[in-house]
């Protein structure tokens, strides 16, 4: 069984911190995933990518997010996905009204 982090990750401000990231941060996380042979066609759907992006936003090492307990890990990567897709949802609503 994988070792989990000893200290809980505070991700209560995750979306606010994601807002502060830039396209360069996104590209850096994508590059790290591609260099580790992540085959996900659309990188936004890669759990590893979303974990890297969350780690960058939270200012913690990627390993901290990667070794979190399953409940925390899935909550974090789900919130990152929702954050990344929210602009697509808003655009679709705008086009359909």
C-alpha atoms as a PDB file:
ATOM      1  CA  UNK A   1       0.000   0.000   0.000  1.00  0.00           C
ATOM      2  CA  UNK A   2       1.292   3.479  -0.853  1.00  0.00           C
ATOM      3  CA  UNK A   3       2.459   5.763   1.869  1.00  0.00           C
ATOM      4  CA  UNK A   4       0.157   8.732   2.494  1.00  0.00           C
ATOM      5  CA  UNK A   5       1.153  12.214   3.523  1.00  0.00           C
ATOM      6  CA  UNK A   6       1.364  12.862   7.228  1.00  0.00           C
ATOM      7  CA  UNK A   7      -0.035  16.370   7.049  1.00  0.00           C
ATOM      8  CA  UNK A   8      -3.476  17.020   5.582  1.00  0.00           C
ATOM      9  CA  UNK A   9      -3.566  19.202   2.477  1.00  0.00           C
ATOM     10  CA  UNK A  10      -5.575  22.388   2.888  1.00  0.00           C
ATOM     11  CA  UNK A  11      -7.337  22.773  -0.447  1.00  0.00           C
ATOM     12  CA  UNK A  12     -10.162  25.005   0.783  1.00  0.00           C
ATOM     13  CA  UNK A  13      -8.898  27.897  -1.381  1.00  0.00           C
ATOM     14  CA  UNK A  14      -8.002  25.747  -4.391  1.00  0.00           C
ATOM     15  CA  UNK A  15     -10.166  27.539  -6.948  1.00  0.00           C
ATOM     16  CA  UNK A  16      -8.917  30.954  -5.817  1.00  0.00           C
ATOM     17  CA  UNK A  17      -5.336  29.768  -6.131  1.00  0.00           C
ATOM     18  CA  UNK A  18      -6.008  28.202  -9.537  1.00  0.00           C
ATOM     19  CA  UNK A  19      -7.239  31.630 -10.706  1.00  0.00           C
ATOM     20  CA  UNK A  20      -3.739  32.968 -10.015  1.00  0.00           C
ATOM     21  CA  UNK A  21      -2.004  30.507 -12.359  1.00  0.00           C
ATOM     22  CA  UNK A  22      -0.933  31.451 -15.857  1.00  0.00           C
ATOM     23  CA  UNK A  23      -0.846  29.686 -19.206  1.00  0.00           C
ATOM     24  CA  UNK A  24       2.861  29.094 -18.586  1.00  0.00           C
ATOM     25  CA  UNK A  25       1.999  27.199 -15.384  1.00  0.00           C
ATOM     26  CA  UNK A  26      -0.473  25.080 -17.365  1.00  0.00           C
ATOM     27  CA  UNK A  27       2.144  24.368 -20.029  1.00  0.00           C
ATOM     28  CA  UNK A  28       4.776  23.504 -17.417  1.00  0.00           C
ATOM     29  CA  UNK A  29       2.469  20.950 -15.795  1.00  0.00           C
ATOM     30  CA  UNK A  30       1.497  19.536 -19.184  1.00  0.00           C
ATOM     31  CA  UNK A  31       5.153  19.233 -20.177  1.00  0.00           C
ATOM     32  CA  UNK A  32       5.959  17.357 -16.954  1.00  0.00           C
ATOM     33  CA  UNK A  33       3.118  14.920 -17.648  1.00  0.00           C
ATOM     34  CA  UNK A  34       4.123  14.388 -21.269  1.00  0.00           C
ATOM     35  CA  UNK A  35       7.744  13.836 -20.211  1.00  0.00           C
ATOM     36  CA  UNK A  36       6.519  11.113 -17.845  1.00  0.00           C
ATOM     37  CA  UNK A  37       4.711   9.490 -20.809  1.00  0.00           C
ATOM     38  CA  UNK A  38       1.146  10.505 -19.920  1.00  0.00           C
ATOM     39  CA  UNK A  39      -0.825   9.325 -22.979  1.00  0.00           C
ATOM     40  CA  UNK A  40      -4.059  11.218 -22.233  1.00  0.00           C
ATOM     41  CA  UNK A  41      -5.120  12.845 -25.552  1.00  0.00           C
ATOM     42  CA  UNK A  42      -6.650  15.913 -23.860  1.00  0.00           C
ATOM     43  CA  UNK A  43      -4.381  16.698 -20.925  1.00  0.00           C
ATOM     44  CA  UNK A  44      -7.223  18.298 -18.954  1.00  0.00           C
ATOM     45  CA  UNK A  45      -8.625  14.800 -18.351  1.00  0.00           C
ATOM     46  CA  UNK A  46      -5.377  13.438 -16.922  1.00  0.00           C
ATOM     47  CA  UNK A  47      -5.518  12.894 -13.163  1.00  0.00           C
ATOM     48  CA  UNK A  48      -1.754  13.341 -12.955  1.00  0.00           C
ATOM     49  CA  UNK A  49      -1.988  16.671 -14.782  1.00  0.00           C
ATOM     50  CA  UNK A  50      -4.745  17.927 -12.498  1.00  0.00           C
ATOM     51  CA  UNK A  51      -2.737  16.823  -9.455  1.00  0.00           C
ATOM     52  CA  UNK A  52       0.316  18.706 -10.774  1.00  0.00           C
ATOM     53  CA  UNK A  53      -1.768  21.812 -11.437  1.00  0.00           C
ATOM     54  CA  UNK A  54      -3.273  21.634  -7.943  1.00  0.00           C
ATOM     55  CA  UNK A  55       0.169  21.216  -6.381  1.00  0.00           C
ATOM     56  CA  UNK A  56       1.412  24.261  -8.306  1.00  0.00           C
ATOM     57  CA  UNK A  57      -1.595  26.314  -7.212  1.00  0.00           C
ATOM     58  CA  UNK A  58      -1.356  25.216  -3.577  1.00  0.00           C
ATOM     59  CA  UNK A  59       2.405  25.698  -3.425  1.00  0.00           C
ATOM     60  CA  UNK A  60       3.092  22.121  -2.346  1.00  0.00           C
ATOM     61  CA  UNK A  61       5.239  19.462  -3.990  1.00  0.00           C
ATOM     62  CA  UNK A  62       3.487  17.251  -6.546  1.00  0.00           C
ATOM     63  CA  UNK A  63       4.407  14.277  -4.372  1.00  0.00           C
ATOM     64  CA  UNK A  64       2.278  15.731  -1.554  1.00  0.00           C
ATOM     65  CA  UNK A  65      -0.853  15.649  -3.697  1.00  0.00           C
ATOM     66  CA  UNK A  66       0.089  12.360  -5.342  1.00  0.00           C
ATOM     67  CA  UNK A  67       0.444  10.574  -2.012  1.00  0.00           C
ATOM     68  CA  UNK A  68      -2.642  12.045  -0.363  1.00  0.00           C
ATOM     69  CA  UNK A  69      -5.337   9.681   0.845  1.00  0.00           C
ATOM     70  CA  UNK A  70      -7.737   8.646  -1.910  1.00  0.00           C
ATOM     71  CA  UNK A  71     -10.648  10.778  -0.681  1.00  0.00           C
ATOM     72  CA  UNK A  72      -8.501  13.927  -0.629  1.00  0.00           C
ATOM     73  CA  UNK A  73      -6.819  13.141  -3.948  1.00  0.00           C
ATOM     74  CA  UNK A  74     -10.095  12.585  -5.800  1.00  0.00           C
ATOM     75  CA  UNK A  75     -11.646  15.693  -4.249  1.00  0.00           C
ATOM     76  CA  UNK A  76      -8.694  17.785  -5.400  1.00  0.00           C
ATOM     77  CA  UNK A  77      -8.538  16.491  -8.961  1.00  0.00           C
ATOM     78  CA  UNK A  78     -12.337  16.717  -9.335  1.00  0.00           C
ATOM     79  CA  UNK A  79     -12.290  20.358  -8.234  1.00  0.00           C
ATOM     80  CA  UNK A  80      -9.476  21.135 -10.674  1.00  0.00           C
ATOM     81  CA  UNK A  81     -11.451  19.544 -13.519  1.00  0.00           C
ATOM     82  CA  UNK A  82     -14.566  21.526 -12.595  1.00  0.00           C
ATOM     83  CA  UNK A  83     -12.469  24.704 -12.524  1.00  0.00           C
ATOM     84  CA  UNK A  84     -10.939  23.986 -15.929  1.00  0.00           C
ATOM     85  CA  UNK A  85     -14.286  23.170 -17.549  1.00  0.00           C
ATOM     86  CA  UNK A  86     -16.335  26.002 -16.042  1.00  0.00           C
ATOM     87  CA  UNK A  87     -15.476  28.419 -18.847  1.00  0.00           C
ATOM     88  CA  UNK A  88     -16.697  25.899 -21.434  1.00  0.00           C
ATOM     89  CA  UNK A  89     -20.001  25.584 -19.567  1.00  0.00           C
ATOM     90  CA  UNK A  90     -20.408  29.344 -19.357  1.00  0.00           C
ATOM     91  CA  UNK A  91     -19.703  29.685 -23.091  1.00  0.00           C
ATOM     92  CA  UNK A  92     -22.260  26.995 -23.953  1.00  0.00           C
ATOM     93  CA  UNK A  93     -24.899  28.694 -21.817  1.00  0.00           C
ATOM     94  CA  UNK A  94     -24.173  32.044 -23.445  1.00  0.00           C
ATOM     95  CA  UNK A  95     -24.554  30.557 -26.939  1.00  0.00           C
ATOM     96  CA  UNK A  96     -27.843  28.855 -26.062  1.00  0.00           C
ATOM     97  CA  UNK A  97     -29.596  31.866 -24.547  1.00  0.00           C
END
